[in-house]
Amino acid sequence: MSTRYATLGLVQMLLIATAGWLRRLAWADIDFLDGPGEWSLVVRLSFYCLAGWLATVVLAIAFAVADKRNRSMIVLFLVVTLPSIELLTLLLFAW
């Protein structure tokens, strides 16, 4: 596997773990009785990490389209398998 794909996978893992950790920190700031209001900085940073993670998934799809020789490996690893593991990690960090 090329360093480009390994780096993208590590960035994805870092973003999803950071988003989960920030959501865990922000849970005390959320008041459901207060209604919708201004998001705290931690909640916004968590949202930006998740948006960045989704951008890396799109980038992985673009890599798969461009790299015809390793397309199935890239799609399986960066688009299907790794994000599933990362979402499970997010759920673990969120609790």
C-alpha atoms as a PDB file:
ATOM      1  CA  MET A   1       0.000   0.000   0.000  1.00  0.00           C
ATOM      2  CA  SER A   2       1.358   3.392  -0.871  1.00  0.00           C
ATOM      3  CA  THR A   3       2.131   5.989   1.760  1.00  0.00           C
ATOM      4  CA  ARG A   4      -0.623   8.184   0.318  1.00  0.00           C
ATOM      5  CA  TYR A   5      -3.307   5.682   1.320  1.00  0.00           C
ATOM      6  CA  ALA A   6      -1.741   4.927   4.682  1.00  0.00           C
ATOM      7  CA  THR A   7      -1.544   8.649   5.456  1.00  0.00           C
ATOM      8  CA  LEU A   8      -5.151   9.169   4.429  1.00  0.00           C
ATOM      9  CA  GLY A   9      -6.208   6.279   6.663  1.00  0.00           C
ATOM     10  CA  LEU A  10      -4.313   7.721   9.632  1.00  0.00           C
ATOM     11  CA  VAL A  11      -5.849  11.159   9.052  1.00  0.00           C
ATOM     12  CA  GLN A  12      -9.301   9.557   8.967  1.00  0.00           C
ATOM     13  CA  MET A  13      -8.651   7.751  12.245  1.00  0.00           C
ATOM     14  CA  LEU A  14      -7.311  10.899  13.886  1.00  0.00           C
ATOM     15  CA  LEU A  15     -10.319  12.977  12.803  1.00  0.00           C
ATOM     16  CA  ILE A  16     -12.908  10.457  13.968  1.00  0.00           C
ATOM     17  CA  ALA A  17     -11.160   9.864  17.325  1.00  0.00           C
ATOM     18  CA  THR A  18     -10.839  13.611  17.886  1.00  0.00           C
ATOM     19  CA  ALA A  19     -14.509  14.134  17.027  1.00  0.00           C
ATOM     20  CA  GLY A  20     -15.548  11.437  19.497  1.00  0.00           C
ATOM     21  CA  TRP A  21     -13.337  12.836  22.244  1.00  0.00           C
ATOM     22  CA  LEU A  22     -14.655  16.363  21.682  1.00  0.00           C
ATOM     23  CA  ARG A  23     -18.256  15.150  21.757  1.00  0.00           C
ATOM     24  CA  ARG A  24     -17.586  13.448  25.036  1.00  0.00           C
ATOM     25  CA  LEU A  25     -16.212  16.697  26.452  1.00  0.00           C
ATOM     26  CA  ALA A  26     -19.121  18.710  25.064  1.00  0.00           C
ATOM     27  CA  TRP A  27     -21.849  16.485  26.465  1.00  0.00           C
ATOM     28  CA  ALA A  28     -22.038  18.544  29.660  1.00  0.00           C
ATOM     29  CA  ASP A  29     -22.548  21.738  27.616  1.00  0.00           C
ATOM     30  CA  ILE A  30     -25.673  20.410  25.916  1.00  0.00           C
ATOM     31  CA  ASP A  31     -28.889  21.385  27.643  1.00  0.00           C
ATOM     32  CA  PHE A  32     -31.953  19.858  26.023  1.00  0.00           C
ATOM     33  CA  LEU A  33     -34.370  21.945  28.098  1.00  0.00           C
ATOM     34  CA  ASP A  34     -32.771  25.173  26.898  1.00  0.00           C
ATOM     35  CA  GLY A  35     -33.735  24.444  23.302  1.00  0.00           C
ATOM     36  CA  PRO A  36     -31.673  25.125  20.220  1.00  0.00           C
ATOM     37  CA  GLY A  37     -29.130  27.807  20.777  1.00  0.00           C
ATOM     38  CA  GLU A  38     -25.557  28.732  20.133  1.00  0.00           C
ATOM     39  CA  TRP A  39     -23.189  25.749  19.909  1.00  0.00           C
ATOM     40  CA  SER A  40     -20.170  25.824  22.162  1.00  0.00           C
ATOM     41  CA  LEU A  41     -16.696  25.882  20.647  1.00  0.00           C
ATOM     42  CA  VAL A  42     -16.111  22.214  21.505  1.00  0.00           C
ATOM     43  CA  VAL A  43     -19.303  21.124  19.741  1.00  0.00           C
ATOM     44  CA  ARG A  44     -18.377  23.156  16.666  1.00  0.00           C
ATOM     45  CA  LEU A  45     -14.871  21.684  16.596  1.00  0.00           C
ATOM     46  CA  SER A  46     -16.362  18.199  16.808  1.00  0.00           C
ATOM     47  CA  PHE A  47     -18.652  18.990  13.890  1.00  0.00           C
ATOM     48  CA  TYR A  48     -15.700  20.277  11.852  1.00  0.00           C
ATOM     49  CA  CYS A  49     -13.764  17.068  12.582  1.00  0.00           C
ATOM     50  CA  LEU A  50     -16.688  14.999  11.323  1.00  0.00           C
ATOM     51  CA  ALA A  51     -16.991  17.196   8.236  1.00  0.00           C
ATOM     52  CA  GLY A  52     -13.264  16.769   7.639  1.00  0.00           C
ATOM     53  CA  TRP A  53     -13.642  13.014   7.996  1.00  0.00           C
ATOM     54  CA  LEU A  54     -16.403  13.013   5.379  1.00  0.00           C
ATOM     55  CA  ALA A  55     -14.108  15.032   3.115  1.00  0.00           C
ATOM     56  CA  THR A  56     -11.418  12.351   3.486  1.00  0.00           C
ATOM     57  CA  VAL A  57     -13.953   9.692   2.479  1.00  0.00           C
ATOM     58  CA  VAL A  58     -14.677  11.713  -0.671  1.00  0.00           C
ATOM     59  CA  LEU A  59     -10.928  12.025  -1.256  1.00  0.00           C
ATOM     60  CA  ALA A  60     -10.537   8.253  -0.870  1.00  0.00           C
ATOM     61  CA  ILE A  61     -13.243   7.747  -3.496  1.00  0.00           C
ATOM     62  CA  ALA A  62     -11.390  10.119  -5.816  1.00  0.00           C
ATOM     63  CA  PHE A  63      -8.157   8.160  -5.251  1.00  0.00           C
ATOM     64  CA  ALA A  64      -9.994   4.939  -6.105  1.00  0.00           C
ATOM     65  CA  VAL A  65     -11.314   6.410  -9.341  1.00  0.00           C
ATOM     66  CA  ALA A  66      -7.843   7.597 -10.359  1.00  0.00           C
ATOM     67  CA  ASP A  67      -5.913   4.453  -9.382  1.00  0.00           C
ATOM     68  CA  LYS A  68      -7.313   1.707 -11.595  1.00  0.00           C
ATOM     69  CA  ARG A  69      -4.752  -0.939 -10.593  1.00  0.00           C
ATOM     70  CA  ASN A  70      -5.545  -0.849  -6.864  1.00  0.00           C
ATOM     71  CA  ARG A  71      -9.139   0.353  -7.077  1.00  0.00           C
ATOM     72  CA  SER A  72     -10.791  -2.538  -5.242  1.00  0.00           C
ATOM     73  CA  MET A  73      -8.266  -2.423  -2.374  1.00  0.00           C
ATOM     74  CA  ILE A  74      -8.670   1.334  -1.966  1.00  0.00           C
ATOM     75  CA  VAL A  75     -12.458   1.167  -2.012  1.00  0.00           C
ATOM     76  CA  LEU A  76     -12.524  -1.714   0.440  1.00  0.00           C
ATOM     77  CA  PHE A  77     -10.027  -0.188   2.853  1.00  0.00           C
ATOM     78  CA  LEU A  78     -10.560   3.592   2.748  1.00  0.00           C
ATOM     79  CA  VAL A  79     -14.231   3.824   1.826  1.00  0.00           C
ATOM     80  CA  VAL A  80     -15.904   0.765   3.367  1.00  0.00           C
ATOM     81  CA  THR A  81     -13.856  -0.957   6.084  1.00  0.00           C
ATOM     82  CA  LEU A  82     -11.937   1.835   7.780  1.00  0.00           C
ATOM     83  CA  PRO A  83     -14.883   4.267   8.154  1.00  0.00           C
ATOM     84  CA  SER A  84     -16.960   1.469   9.707  1.00  0.00           C
ATOM     85  CA  ILE A  85     -14.257   0.805  12.284  1.00  0.00           C
ATOM     86  CA  GLU A  86     -13.902   4.529  12.890  1.00  0.00           C
ATOM     87  CA  LEU A  87     -17.621   4.958  13.500  1.00  0.00           C
ATOM     88  CA  LEU A  88     -17.486   2.171  16.082  1.00  0.00           C
ATOM     89  CA  THR A  89     -14.555   4.032  17.658  1.00  0.00           C
ATOM     90  CA  LEU A  90     -16.642   7.217  17.675  1.00  0.00           C
ATOM     91  CA  LEU A  91     -19.425   5.436  19.496  1.00  0.00           C
ATOM     92  CA  LEU A  92     -16.967   4.122  22.079  1.00  0.00           C
ATOM     93  CA  PHE A  93     -15.441   7.572  22.627  1.00  0.00           C
ATOM     94  CA  ALA A  94     -18.853   9.232  22.815  1.00  0.00           C
ATOM     95  CA  TRP A  95     -19.929   7.108  25.786  1.00  0.00           C
END
